[in-house]
Structures are given as C-alpha cells and as structure tokens.
Amino acid sequence: MKSQTFEPKPVRDVIDQVFLSPRVLDKAAFDEFSSIVKQLIERASEASRSLQAAAAHAEAVHRNLAESAPVIESRLTGAGAAITTLDARTAEVRAALNKAAECALRAETAQSATEQSAAETLAQIEARIAAATKNGHDALENARAAVEVRARETAETALRAIEAAGSRLEDLESQSAAQLTALVERTARSIQELEDRLNQITGRIATLTGAGLGAMASLCDRATAILGYDPSAGEPPTPAAGSLADAVRRAESSPAPVDARWCGLRETFDPTEPLIGESEPVTSSTARKTTKPRRAKAVPPTKPARRGARRK
C-alpha cells in the first residue's frame, strides 16, 4: 500500500490569507505577534520539509535493511560459528598454558634436583681429593724417610770402603816404591834404545825417495812427538811437556817421586776399580815392536817437503 504524500502550500500564501488586515488589534502588537507567528510558521515549514526528508531516508534505510537482512543473518551465523571456534581455541590455549606452567614447574623441580645432586657430587669429589692428598702426603713422607735411611746406610758403606781403600793405599805405597824405581830405569833404557832406533830411521829416511818418504817422515814426527825432542838436533833441548822424556826427567829430578805421586792418588782413589798390577818390563824387543813402522801403500812419487815446514 502506497503512502500518500501531501505537498504543503507556500507559507507566504497561508500567512497572507490569514492576516488580511489588523482589524481591531493594535497595529504594533499585531505586527510583533504576526512576525513571531511568521517565524514559527517558517520554522514549522522547514521542520516539515526536514521531517519529510527524514521519512524518505528512513524508508530508504528500511528498504536497505530488508534487502541486507539475509546477508546480516548469514554474517551473524558465521560470527556465531567463529565465536564458537574462538571459544574452542581459547580452551586449547588455556590447556596449552596449563601444560607450559606444568613443564616450567617440572623444569624448576629438575633444576633444583640437579643443583642438589651437583652439590652432593662436588662434596664427594672434594672429600676424595682430600683423602687422596692426605694419602699422597703420607706416602711421600714414608718415601722420604726410606730415602734418608738408605742414604745414611750408603754413606756409612762408602765411608767404610774409603777407610779400607786408604789402608790398602798405604800398603800399596810401601810395596810400589821399588817397582816405580825399576820402571824409571827400564824407561830410561827404552828411551836410549828409542833414540838409537830413531837415528837409524833418520838415516834411512835420508836415502828414501818416492812413496815411502811421506810415511817415514810421518813416523819420525810421531816418534819425535812421543819423545819430546828431536834426537838429530845435536844437544837435546828441554823436552815438551807431557812427553816421555819429560816424565823421565821429572822422575829423576824429584826428591820424593813415590810419596808425592801416591799422596795425590789417595784423594782420587776409587775402591771399586781393580788394583794396579805390575807393569810389563820394557825390553829392546818390545821397543822395536812399538816403533816398527807400518808399510805404507804405494802412492805416486811426490816432491818431499821440508821437515821444518811440516813442524810449523
């Protein structure tokens, strides 16, 4: 059913029809009153137009709502389902939070238990270390005491051995004086025989040429070094220190060779070494054996060098 719409007449026409003349009323009051009424009529007319526009807008909104009702209903249904799903998800989240809280509580409990176990283990380790340190200290003290006892025993044994060696040295000193004198005499005879042999070798070297010259010259130099001076030099010079001739010279010139030597040996005597035996007598045959030159290999003839230059 269609609604009827009334079109209002213009306000100015209505006012002109109602107020044709002032008649009996006061003109000033009537003018004032008429102006107020005109304003009210104009406002009412404007309000009527506004109301008509609002009614038209409300009718359009009603039509839009009627058209949008199914869509809104479907959206509300979806929103209800979403709310249900959200409630389920919220419950799941709450359950997960409860599980997380339980896990955190378990972790704290496990951490406290681990810390307690670590403290107990540390205490046990410290106790074991203290016991091991005490045992090691005791073992070290025992070993030190044993070493000191062994050192004292060794020192006493060494002292007894030194005393025995001293007594043996005194016996050897009295027995070896004659042997050393005989040794000096045999050494002097050996030196004389060695000088004769060196003179013979020097004579032979003068006649040799070629391959044997170098070997014989080397042998002469070696014999001269052992003897301490050159026998072919006329008057024998002072023998070199440490040579055989120097040893004989010091033995002959020393007033008490035996006592001085054995007094020096007493300080360095080792009782663990074997005793000194009798020396082998030096004869002319043994001197010849020691001074016999070896056969040199054949080498091409070389120019003989001077003995003086070689000695330098």
C-alpha atoms as a PDB file:
ATOM      1  CA  MET A   1       0.000   0.000   0.000  1.00  0.00           C
ATOM      2  CA  LYS A   2       1.407   3.246  -1.161  1.00  0.00           C
ATOM      3  CA  SER A   3       1.620   6.090   1.317  1.00  0.00           C
ATOM      4  CA  GLN A   4       0.043   9.419   0.274  1.00  0.00           C
ATOM      5  CA  THR A   5       2.286  12.469   0.315  1.00  0.00           C
ATOM      6  CA  PHE A   6       0.822  15.946   0.854  1.00  0.00           C
ATOM      7  CA  GLU A   7       2.590  18.874  -0.722  1.00  0.00           C
ATOM      8  CA  PRO A   8       2.245  21.909   1.638  1.00  0.00           C
ATOM      9  CA  LYS A   9       1.276  25.271   0.240  1.00  0.00           C
ATOM     10  CA  PRO A  10       3.783  28.058   0.356  1.00  0.00           C
ATOM     11  CA  VAL A  11       3.941  29.629   3.835  1.00  0.00           C
ATOM     12  CA  ARG A  12       3.794  33.133   2.494  1.00  0.00           C
ATOM     13  CA  ASP A  13       0.391  32.398   0.850  1.00  0.00           C
ATOM     14  CA  VAL A  14      -1.058  30.999   4.088  1.00  0.00           C
ATOM     15  CA  ILE A  15       0.163  33.981   6.066  1.00  0.00           C
ATOM     16  CA  ASP A  16      -1.321  36.397   3.560  1.00  0.00           C
ATOM     17  CA  GLN A  17      -4.678  34.602   3.686  1.00  0.00           C
ATOM     18  CA  VAL A  18      -4.897  34.555   7.461  1.00  0.00           C
ATOM     19  CA  PHE A  19      -3.657  38.047   8.140  1.00  0.00           C
ATOM     20  CA  LEU A  20      -5.564  40.170   5.650  1.00  0.00           C
ATOM     21  CA  SER A  21      -5.877  43.222   7.891  1.00  0.00           C
ATOM     22  CA  PRO A  22      -5.262  44.134  11.545  1.00  0.00           C
ATOM     23  CA  ARG A  23      -8.974  44.819  12.196  1.00  0.00           C
ATOM     24  CA  VAL A  24      -9.381  45.575  15.822  1.00  0.00           C
ATOM     25  CA  LEU A  25      -5.926  44.619  17.158  1.00  0.00           C
ATOM     26  CA  ASP A  26      -3.170  47.045  17.960  1.00  0.00           C
ATOM     27  CA  LYS A  27      -1.058  47.506  14.964  1.00  0.00           C
ATOM     28  CA  ALA A  28       2.286  47.420  16.792  1.00  0.00           C
ATOM     29  CA  ALA A  29       1.342  44.405  18.843  1.00  0.00           C
ATOM     30  CA  PHE A  30      -0.140  42.745  15.841  1.00  0.00           C
ATOM     31  CA  ASP A  31       2.945  43.386  13.817  1.00  0.00           C
ATOM     32  CA  GLU A  32       5.092  41.954  16.569  1.00  0.00           C
ATOM     33  CA  PHE A  33       2.817  38.980  17.016  1.00  0.00           C
ATOM     34  CA  SER A  34       2.497  38.440  13.314  1.00  0.00           C
ATOM     35  CA  SER A  35       6.251  38.493  12.899  1.00  0.00           C
ATOM     36  CA  ILE A  36       6.615  35.881  15.653  1.00  0.00           C
ATOM     37  CA  VAL A  37       3.918  33.722  14.113  1.00  0.00           C
ATOM     38  CA  LYS A  38       5.513  34.067  10.705  1.00  0.00           C
ATOM     39  CA  GLN A  39       8.823  32.931  12.117  1.00  0.00           C
ATOM     40  CA  LEU A  40       7.119  29.985  13.793  1.00  0.00           C
ATOM     41  CA  ILE A  41       5.336  29.068  10.590  1.00  0.00           C
ATOM     42  CA  GLU A  42       8.560  29.320   8.630  1.00  0.00           C
ATOM     43  CA  ARG A  43      10.334  27.115  11.193  1.00  0.00           C
ATOM     44  CA  ALA A  44       7.446  24.633  11.111  1.00  0.00           C
ATOM     45  CA  SER A  45       7.611  24.563   7.331  1.00  0.00           C
ATOM     46  CA  GLU A  46      11.381  23.932   7.443  1.00  0.00           C
ATOM     47  CA  ALA A  47      10.837  21.235  10.097  1.00  0.00           C
ATOM     48  CA  SER A  48       8.121  19.661   7.932  1.00  0.00           C
ATOM     49  CA  ARG A  49      10.488  19.516   4.977  1.00  0.00           C
ATOM     50  CA  SER A  50      13.194  18.072   7.212  1.00  0.00           C
ATOM     51  CA  LEU A  51      10.716  15.518   8.544  1.00  0.00           C
ATOM     52  CA  GLN A  52       9.689  14.552   5.039  1.00  0.00           C
ATOM     53  CA  ALA A  53      13.337  14.152   4.053  1.00  0.00           C
ATOM     54  CA  ALA A  54      13.966  12.078   7.194  1.00  0.00           C
ATOM     55  CA  ALA A  55      10.917   9.928   6.434  1.00  0.00           C
ATOM     56  CA  ALA A  56      12.174   9.368   2.906  1.00  0.00           C
ATOM     57  CA  HIS A  57      15.632   8.479   4.280  1.00  0.00           C
ATOM     58  CA  ALA A  58      14.060   6.156   6.856  1.00  0.00           C
ATOM     59  CA  GLU A  59      12.042   4.482   4.123  1.00  0.00           C
ATOM     60  CA  ALA A  60      15.245   4.012   2.079  1.00  0.00           C
ATOM     61  CA  VAL A  61      17.028   2.669   5.152  1.00  0.00           C
ATOM     62  CA  HIS A  62      14.124   0.291   5.789  1.00  0.00           C
ATOM     63  CA  ARG A  63      14.347  -0.991   2.229  1.00  0.00           C
ATOM     64  CA  ASN A  64      18.125  -1.398   2.571  1.00  0.00           C
ATOM     65  CA  LEU A  65      17.685  -3.227   5.861  1.00  0.00           C
ATOM     66  CA  ALA A  66      15.084  -5.508   4.316  1.00  0.00           C
ATOM     67  CA  GLU A  67      17.489  -6.246   1.466  1.00  0.00           C
ATOM     68  CA  SER A  68      20.516  -6.658   3.811  1.00  0.00           C
ATOM     69  CA  ALA A  69      18.738  -8.809   6.394  1.00  0.00           C
ATOM     70  CA  PRO A  70      19.704 -12.193   4.796  1.00  0.00           C
ATOM     71  CA  VAL A  71      23.331 -11.065   4.428  1.00  0.00           C
ATOM     72  CA  ILE A  72      23.410  -9.787   8.008  1.00  0.00           C
ATOM     73  CA  GLU A  73      21.771 -13.001   9.222  1.00  0.00           C
ATOM     74  CA  SER A  74      24.379 -15.115   7.378  1.00  0.00           C
ATOM     75  CA  ARG A  75      27.131 -12.919   8.788  1.00  0.00           C
ATOM     76  CA  LEU A  76      25.710 -13.253  12.291  1.00  0.00           C
ATOM     77  CA  THR A  77      25.579 -17.037  11.802  1.00  0.00           C
ATOM     78  CA  GLY A  78      29.242 -17.003  10.679  1.00  0.00           C
ATOM     79  CA  ALA A  79      30.111 -14.768  13.605  1.00  0.00           C
ATOM     80  CA  GLY A  80      28.398 -17.224  15.969  1.00  0.00           C
ATOM     81  CA  ALA A  81      30.373 -20.117  14.454  1.00  0.00           C
ATOM     82  CA  ALA A  82      33.559 -18.036  14.694  1.00  0.00           C
ATOM     83  CA  ILE A  83      32.771 -17.268  18.325  1.00  0.00           C
ATOM     84  CA  THR A  84      32.276 -20.995  18.974  1.00  0.00           C
ATOM     85  CA  THR A  85      35.588 -21.782  17.248  1.00  0.00           C
ATOM     86  CA  LEU A  86      37.260 -18.950  19.157  1.00  0.00           C
ATOM     87  CA  ASP A  87      35.920 -20.366  22.423  1.00  0.00           C
ATOM     88  CA  ALA A  88      37.352 -23.788  21.489  1.00  0.00           C
ATOM     89  CA  ARG A  89      40.681 -22.244  20.541  1.00  0.00           C
ATOM     90  CA  THR A  90      40.659 -20.281  23.804  1.00  0.00           C
ATOM     91  CA  ALA A  91      40.136 -23.515  25.708  1.00  0.00           C
ATOM     92  CA  GLU A  92      43.013 -25.116  23.792  1.00  0.00           C
ATOM     93  CA  VAL A  93      45.245 -22.117  24.528  1.00  0.00           C
ATOM     94  CA  ARG A  94      44.339 -22.309  28.202  1.00  0.00           C
ATOM     95  CA  ALA A  95      45.169 -26.029  28.216  1.00  0.00           C
ATOM     96  CA  ALA A  96      48.495 -25.302  26.478  1.00  0.00           C
ATOM     97  CA  LEU A  97      49.248 -22.583  29.025  1.00  0.00           C
ATOM     98  CA  ASN A  98      48.477 -25.007  31.843  1.00  0.00           C
ATOM     99  CA  LYS A  99      50.818 -27.583  30.261  1.00  0.00           C
ATOM    100  CA  ALA A 100      53.518 -24.918  29.860  1.00  0.00           C
ATOM    101  CA  ALA A 101      53.109 -23.964  33.508  1.00  0.00           C
ATOM    102  CA  GLU A 102      53.392 -27.639  34.493  1.00  0.00           C
ATOM    103  CA  CYS A 103      56.530 -28.005  32.299  1.00  0.00           C
ATOM    104  CA  ALA A 104      58.048 -24.889  33.865  1.00  0.00           C
ATOM    105  CA  LEU A 105      57.293 -26.274  37.315  1.00  0.00           C
ATOM    106  CA  ARG A 106      58.879 -29.599  36.339  1.00  0.00           C
ATOM    107  CA  ALA A 107      61.916 -27.761  34.924  1.00  0.00           C
ATOM    108  CA  GLU A 108      62.333 -25.805  38.156  1.00  0.00           C
ATOM    109  CA  THR A 109      61.997 -29.016  40.162  1.00  0.00           C
ATOM    110  CA  ALA A 110      64.537 -30.773  37.909  1.00  0.00           C
ATOM    111  CA  GLN A 111      66.909 -27.801  38.156  1.00  0.00           C
ATOM    112  CA  SER A 112      66.732 -27.789  41.940  1.00  0.00           C
ATOM    113  CA  ALA A 113      67.275 -31.563  41.989  1.00  0.00           C
ATOM    114  CA  THR A 114      70.223 -31.217  39.584  1.00  0.00           C
ATOM    115  CA  GLU A 115      71.772 -28.457  41.681  1.00  0.00           C
ATOM    116  CA  GLN A 116      71.373 -30.553  44.818  1.00  0.00           C
ATOM    117  CA  SER A 117      72.895 -33.603  43.085  1.00  0.00           C
ATOM    118  CA  ALA A 118      75.776 -31.480  41.737  1.00  0.00           C
ATOM    119  CA  ALA A 119      76.431 -30.086  45.215  1.00  0.00           C
ATOM    120  CA  GLU A 120      76.460 -33.595  46.687  1.00  0.00           C
ATOM    121  CA  THR A 121      78.765 -34.849  43.900  1.00  0.00           C
ATOM    122  CA  LEU A 122      81.095 -31.867  44.411  1.00  0.00           C
ATOM    123  CA  ALA A 123      81.238 -32.581  48.133  1.00  0.00           C
ATOM    124  CA  GLN A 124      82.082 -36.229  47.430  1.00  0.00           C
ATOM    125  CA  ILE A 125      84.796 -35.240  44.935  1.00  0.00           C
ATOM    126  CA  GLU A 126      86.292 -32.757  47.404  1.00  0.00           C
ATOM    127  CA  ALA A 127      86.311 -35.456  50.086  1.00  0.00           C
ATOM    128  CA  ARG A 128      88.026 -37.907  47.697  1.00  0.00           C
ATOM    129  CA  ILE A 129      90.600 -35.286  46.693  1.00  0.00           C
ATOM    130  CA  ALA A 130      91.319 -34.503  50.341  1.00  0.00           C
ATOM    131  CA  ALA A 131      91.741 -38.219  51.105  1.00  0.00           C
ATOM    132  CA  ALA A 132      93.986 -38.729  48.058  1.00  0.00           C
ATOM    133  CA  THR A 133      96.073 -35.687  49.027  1.00  0.00           C
ATOM    134  CA  LYS A 134      96.486 -36.996  52.571  1.00  0.00           C
ATOM    135  CA  ASN A 135      97.434 -40.454  51.302  1.00  0.00           C
ATOM    136  CA  GLY A 136      99.930 -38.941  48.850  1.00  0.00           C
ATOM    137  CA  HIS A 137     101.442 -36.780  51.587  1.00  0.00           C
ATOM    138  CA  ASP A 138     101.790 -39.803  53.870  1.00  0.00           C
ATOM    139  CA  ALA A 139     103.340 -41.865  51.062  1.00  0.00           C
ATOM    140  CA  LEU A 140     105.745 -39.011  50.288  1.00  0.00           C
ATOM    141  CA  GLU A 141     106.790 -38.768  53.933  1.00  0.00           C
ATOM    142  CA  ASN A 142     107.332 -42.527  54.089  1.00  0.00           C
ATOM    143  CA  ALA A 143     109.367 -42.469  50.878  1.00  0.00           C
ATOM    144  CA  ARG A 144     111.428 -39.535  52.170  1.00  0.00           C
ATOM    145  CA  ALA A 145     112.157 -41.388  55.415  1.00  0.00           C
ATOM    146  CA  ALA A 146     113.135 -44.530  53.479  1.00  0.00           C
ATOM    147  CA  VAL A 147     115.419 -42.493  51.194  1.00  0.00           C
ATOM    148  CA  GLU A 148     117.086 -40.845  54.190  1.00  0.00           C
ATOM    149  CA  VAL A 149     117.699 -44.245  55.818  1.00  0.00           C
ATOM    150  CA  ARG A 150     119.059 -45.628  52.551  1.00  0.00           C
ATOM    151  CA  ALA A 151     121.287 -42.559  52.109  1.00  0.00           C
ATOM    152  CA  ARG A 152     122.702 -42.935  55.624  1.00  0.00           C
ATOM    153  CA  GLU A 153     123.385 -46.620  55.010  1.00  0.00           C
ATOM    154  CA  THR A 154     125.050 -45.822  51.668  1.00  0.00           C
ATOM    155  CA  ALA A 155     127.156 -43.068  53.262  1.00  0.00           C
ATOM    156  CA  GLU A 156     128.292 -45.409  56.035  1.00  0.00           C
ATOM    157  CA  THR A 157     129.147 -48.115  53.482  1.00  0.00           C
ATOM    158  CA  ALA A 158     131.058 -45.603  51.348  1.00  0.00           C
ATOM    159  CA  LEU A 159     132.928 -44.333  54.406  1.00  0.00           C
ATOM    160  CA  ARG A 160     133.958 -47.854  55.355  1.00  0.00           C
ATOM    161  CA  ALA A 161     135.037 -48.514  51.758  1.00  0.00           C
ATOM    162  CA  ILE A 162     137.094 -45.285  51.752  1.00  0.00           C
ATOM    163  CA  GLU A 163     138.775 -46.259  55.004  1.00  0.00           C
ATOM    164  CA  ALA A 164     139.576 -49.714  53.620  1.00  0.00           C
ATOM    165  CA  ALA A 165     140.880 -48.131  50.421  1.00  0.00           C
ATOM    166  CA  GLY A 166     143.086 -45.790  52.461  1.00  0.00           C
ATOM    167  CA  SER A 167     144.622 -48.711  54.294  1.00  0.00           C
ATOM    168  CA  ARG A 168     145.151 -50.551  51.035  1.00  0.00           C
ATOM    169  CA  LEU A 169     146.726 -47.443  49.515  1.00  0.00           C
ATOM    170  CA  GLU A 170     149.186 -47.243  52.387  1.00  0.00           C
ATOM    171  CA  ASP A 171     150.128 -50.890  51.788  1.00  0.00           C
ATOM    172  CA  LEU A 172     150.450 -50.255  48.045  1.00  0.00           C
ATOM    173  CA  GLU A 173     152.583 -47.168  48.694  1.00  0.00           C
ATOM    174  CA  SER A 174     155.113 -49.222  50.647  1.00  0.00           C
ATOM    175  CA  GLN A 175     155.104 -52.012  48.038  1.00  0.00           C
ATOM    176  CA  SER A 176     155.265 -49.913  44.845  1.00  0.00           C
ATOM    177  CA  ALA A 177     158.320 -47.734  45.615  1.00  0.00           C
ATOM    178  CA  ALA A 178     160.751 -50.373  44.350  1.00  0.00           C
ATOM    179  CA  GLN A 179     158.542 -51.155  41.355  1.00  0.00           C
ATOM    180  CA  LEU A 180     158.385 -47.474  40.355  1.00  0.00           C
ATOM    181  CA  THR A 181     162.183 -47.151  40.620  1.00  0.00           C
ATOM    182  CA  ALA A 182     162.636 -50.207  38.394  1.00  0.00           C
ATOM    183  CA  LEU A 183     160.067 -48.761  35.980  1.00  0.00           C
ATOM    184  CA  VAL A 184     162.027 -45.497  35.736  1.00  0.00           C
ATOM    185  CA  GLU A 185     165.235 -47.420  34.994  1.00  0.00           C
ATOM    186  CA  ARG A 186     163.550 -49.537  32.317  1.00  0.00           C
ATOM    187  CA  THR A 187     162.033 -46.373  30.830  1.00  0.00           C
ATOM    188  CA  ALA A 188     165.461 -44.762  30.610  1.00  0.00           C
ATOM    189  CA  ARG A 189     166.863 -47.817  28.807  1.00  0.00           C
ATOM    190  CA  SER A 190     163.858 -47.810  26.478  1.00  0.00           C
ATOM    191  CA  ILE A 191     164.427 -44.123  25.702  1.00  0.00           C
ATOM    192  CA  GLN A 192     168.059 -44.830  24.820  1.00  0.00           C
ATOM    193  CA  GLU A 193     167.054 -47.701  22.547  1.00  0.00           C
ATOM    194  CA  LEU A 194     164.354 -45.488  21.038  1.00  0.00           C
ATOM    195  CA  GLU A 195     166.917 -42.772  20.332  1.00  0.00           C
ATOM    196  CA  ASP A 196     169.160 -45.314  18.590  1.00  0.00           C
ATOM    197  CA  ARG A 197     166.229 -46.568  16.580  1.00  0.00           C
ATOM    198  CA  LEU A 198     165.221 -43.032  15.631  1.00  0.00           C
ATOM    199  CA  ASN A 199     168.781 -42.296  14.490  1.00  0.00           C
ATOM    200  CA  GLN A 200     168.693 -45.407  12.290  1.00  0.00           C
ATOM    201  CA  ILE A 201     165.303 -44.423  10.906  1.00  0.00           C
ATOM    202  CA  THR A 202     166.527 -40.890  10.244  1.00  0.00           C
ATOM    203  CA  GLY A 203     169.443 -42.297   8.289  1.00  0.00           C
ATOM    204  CA  ARG A 204     167.204 -44.493   6.233  1.00  0.00           C
ATOM    205  CA  ILE A 205     164.789 -41.623   5.576  1.00  0.00           C
ATOM    206  CA  ALA A 206     167.628 -39.598   4.090  1.00  0.00           C
ATOM    207  CA  THR A 207     168.127 -42.322   1.419  1.00  0.00           C
ATOM    208  CA  LEU A 208     164.465 -42.972   0.690  1.00  0.00           C
ATOM    209  CA  THR A 209     162.550 -41.309  -2.155  1.00  0.00           C
ATOM    210  CA  GLY A 210     159.122 -41.768  -3.725  1.00  0.00           C
ATOM    211  CA  ALA A 211     156.186 -43.403  -1.994  1.00  0.00           C
ATOM    212  CA  GLY A 212     157.864 -44.339   1.338  1.00  0.00           C
ATOM    213  CA  LEU A 213     159.158 -40.834   2.079  1.00  0.00           C
ATOM    214  CA  GLY A 214     155.876 -39.408   3.328  1.00  0.00           C
ATOM    215  CA  ALA A 215     155.146 -42.418   5.586  1.00  0.00           C
ATOM    216  CA  MET A 216     158.630 -42.414   7.116  1.00  0.00           C
ATOM    217  CA  ALA A 217     158.556 -38.663   7.706  1.00  0.00           C
ATOM    218  CA  SER A 218     155.183 -39.036   9.437  1.00  0.00           C
ATOM    219  CA  LEU A 219     156.615 -41.834  11.597  1.00  0.00           C
ATOM    220  CA  CYS A 220     159.606 -39.667  12.545  1.00  0.00           C
ATOM    221  CA  ASP A 221     157.314 -36.792  13.501  1.00  0.00           C
ATOM    222  CA  ARG A 222     155.218 -39.142  15.628  1.00  0.00           C
ATOM    223  CA  ALA A 223     158.327 -40.576  17.384  1.00  0.00           C
ATOM    224  CA  THR A 224     159.675 -37.064  17.965  1.00  0.00           C
ATOM    225  CA  ALA A 225     156.330 -36.023  19.492  1.00  0.00           C
ATOM    226  CA  ILE A 226     156.358 -39.059  21.814  1.00  0.00           C
ATOM    227  CA  LEU A 227     159.986 -38.493  22.824  1.00  0.00           C
ATOM    228  CA  GLY A 228     159.571 -34.760  23.322  1.00  0.00           C
ATOM    229  CA  TYR A 229     162.601 -33.569  21.281  1.00  0.00           C
ATOM    230  CA  ASP A 230     164.450 -34.320  18.024  1.00  0.00           C
ATOM    231  CA  PRO A 231     167.468 -36.651  18.626  1.00  0.00           C
ATOM    232  CA  SER A 232     169.188 -35.408  15.456  1.00  0.00           C
ATOM    233  CA  ALA A 233     169.292 -31.824  16.718  1.00  0.00           C
ATOM    234  CA  GLY A 234     172.673 -32.211  18.484  1.00  0.00           C
ATOM    235  CA  GLU A 235     172.333 -31.043  22.108  1.00  0.00           C
ATOM    236  CA  PRO A 236     168.977 -32.313  23.435  1.00  0.00           C
ATOM    237  CA  PRO A 237     166.715 -29.349  24.207  1.00  0.00           C
ATOM    238  CA  THR A 238     164.147 -29.208  27.006  1.00  0.00           C
ATOM    239  CA  PRO A 239     161.560 -31.946  26.222  1.00  0.00           C
ATOM    240  CA  ALA A 240     157.952 -30.959  25.548  1.00  0.00           C
ATOM    241  CA  ALA A 241     155.526 -31.039  28.480  1.00  0.00           C
ATOM    242  CA  GLY A 242     153.720 -34.375  28.807  1.00  0.00           C
ATOM    243  CA  SER A 243     156.234 -36.322  26.651  1.00  0.00           C
ATOM    244  CA  LEU A 244     158.047 -39.483  27.680  1.00  0.00           C
ATOM    245  CA  ALA A 245     161.396 -37.694  28.149  1.00  0.00           C
ATOM    246  CA  ASP A 246     159.680 -35.055  30.301  1.00  0.00           C
ATOM    247  CA  ALA A 247     158.200 -37.780  32.528  1.00  0.00           C
ATOM    248  CA  VAL A 248     161.629 -39.412  32.978  1.00  0.00           C
ATOM    249  CA  ARG A 249     163.265 -36.047  33.676  1.00  0.00           C
ATOM    250  CA  ARG A 250     160.703 -35.175  36.346  1.00  0.00           C
ATOM    251  CA  ALA A 251     161.018 -38.656  37.905  1.00  0.00           C
ATOM    252  CA  GLU A 252     164.804 -38.344  38.101  1.00  0.00           C
ATOM    253  CA  SER A 253     164.828 -34.781  39.424  1.00  0.00           C
ATOM    254  CA  SER A 254     162.057 -35.196  42.026  1.00  0.00           C
ATOM    255  CA  PRO A 255     163.415 -35.793  45.591  1.00  0.00           C
ATOM    256  CA  ALA A 256     160.427 -37.983  46.637  1.00  0.00           C
ATOM    257  CA  PRO A 257     158.609 -39.161  43.468  1.00  0.00           C
ATOM    258  CA  VAL A 258     156.827 -42.056  45.073  1.00  0.00           C
ATOM    259  CA  ASP A 259     155.396 -40.199  48.080  1.00  0.00           C
ATOM    260  CA  ALA A 260     154.186 -37.201  46.059  1.00  0.00           C
ATOM    261  CA  ARG A 261     152.504 -39.358  43.447  1.00  0.00           C
ATOM    262  CA  TRP A 262     150.731 -41.648  45.899  1.00  0.00           C
ATOM    263  CA  CYS A 263     149.664 -38.755  48.105  1.00  0.00           C
ATOM    264  CA  GLY A 264     147.939 -37.254  45.055  1.00  0.00           C
ATOM    265  CA  LEU A 265     146.373 -40.576  44.061  1.00  0.00           C
ATOM    266  CA  ARG A 266     144.971 -41.131  47.563  1.00  0.00           C
ATOM    267  CA  GLU A 267     142.475 -38.297  47.093  1.00  0.00           C
ATOM    268  CA  THR A 268     141.069 -39.736  43.835  1.00  0.00           C
ATOM    269  CA  PHE A 269     141.275 -43.451  44.627  1.00  0.00           C
ATOM    270  CA  ASP A 270     138.087 -45.439  43.808  1.00  0.00           C
ATOM    271  CA  PRO A 271     137.818 -48.701  45.807  1.00  0.00           C
ATOM    272  CA  THR A 272     135.536 -50.207  43.134  1.00  0.00           C
ATOM    273  CA  GLU A 273     138.323 -50.142  40.497  1.00  0.00           C
ATOM    274  CA  PRO A 274     140.787 -53.060  40.245  1.00  0.00           C
ATOM    275  CA  LEU A 275     144.246 -52.721  41.823  1.00  0.00           C
ATOM    276  CA  ILE A 276     147.227 -51.627  39.780  1.00  0.00           C
ATOM    277  CA  GLY A 277     149.266 -54.671  38.738  1.00  0.00           C
ATOM    278  CA  GLU A 278     152.900 -54.936  37.951  1.00  0.00           C
ATOM    279  CA  SER A 279     153.938 -53.210  34.760  1.00  0.00           C
ATOM    280  CA  GLU A 280     155.355 -55.242  31.922  1.00  0.00           C
ATOM    281  CA  PRO A 281     159.153 -54.863  31.678  1.00  0.00           C
ATOM    282  CA  VAL A 282     160.254 -52.816  28.683  1.00  0.00           C
ATOM    283  CA  THR A 283     162.932 -54.537  26.639  1.00  0.00           C
ATOM    284  CA  SER A 284     164.629 -53.770  23.421  1.00  0.00           C
ATOM    285  CA  SER A 285     162.383 -56.245  21.606  1.00  0.00           C
ATOM    286  CA  THR A 286     159.188 -54.559  22.836  1.00  0.00           C
ATOM    287  CA  ALA A 287     160.613 -51.145  21.976  1.00  0.00           C
ATOM    288  CA  ARG A 288     161.339 -52.353  18.469  1.00  0.00           C
ATOM    289  CA  LYS A 289     157.796 -53.707  18.197  1.00  0.00           C
ATOM    290  CA  THR A 290     156.297 -50.396  19.262  1.00  0.00           C
ATOM    291  CA  THR A 291     158.484 -48.367  16.950  1.00  0.00           C
ATOM    292  CA  LYS A 292     158.233 -50.651  13.925  1.00  0.00           C
ATOM    293  CA  PRO A 293     156.678 -48.610  11.114  1.00  0.00           C
ATOM    294  CA  ARG A 294     153.757 -49.869   9.109  1.00  0.00           C
ATOM    295  CA  ARG A 295     154.112 -50.497   5.407  1.00  0.00           C
ATOM    296  CA  ALA A 296     152.655 -47.616   3.517  1.00  0.00           C
ATOM    297  CA  LYS A 297     150.549 -48.057   0.429  1.00  0.00           C
ATOM    298  CA  ALA A 298     152.205 -47.340  -2.859  1.00  0.00           C
ATOM    299  CA  VAL A 299     151.455 -43.815  -3.972  1.00  0.00           C
ATOM    300  CA  PRO A 300     152.796 -41.791  -6.890  1.00  0.00           C
ATOM    301  CA  PRO A 301     156.129 -40.047  -6.182  1.00  0.00           C
ATOM    302  CA  THR A 302     155.654 -36.607  -4.707  1.00  0.00           C
ATOM    303  CA  LYS A 303     158.003 -33.807  -4.037  1.00  0.00           C
ATOM    304  CA  PRO A 304     159.395 -34.227  -0.473  1.00  0.00           C
ATOM    305  CA  ALA A 305     158.522 -31.417   1.874  1.00  0.00           C
ATOM    306  CA  ARG A 306     160.866 -29.926   4.397  1.00  0.00           C
ATOM    307  CA  ARG A 307     160.639 -31.196   7.935  1.00  0.00           C
ATOM    308  CA  GLY A 308     160.844 -27.723   9.372  1.00  0.00           C
ATOM    309  CA  ALA A 309     157.872 -26.572   7.306  1.00  0.00           C
ATOM    310  CA  ARG A 310     155.799 -29.608   8.379  1.00  0.00           C
ATOM    311  CA  ARG A 311     156.548 -28.949  12.059  1.00  0.00           C
ATOM    312  CA  LYS A 312     155.129 -25.463  11.709  1.00  0.00           C
END
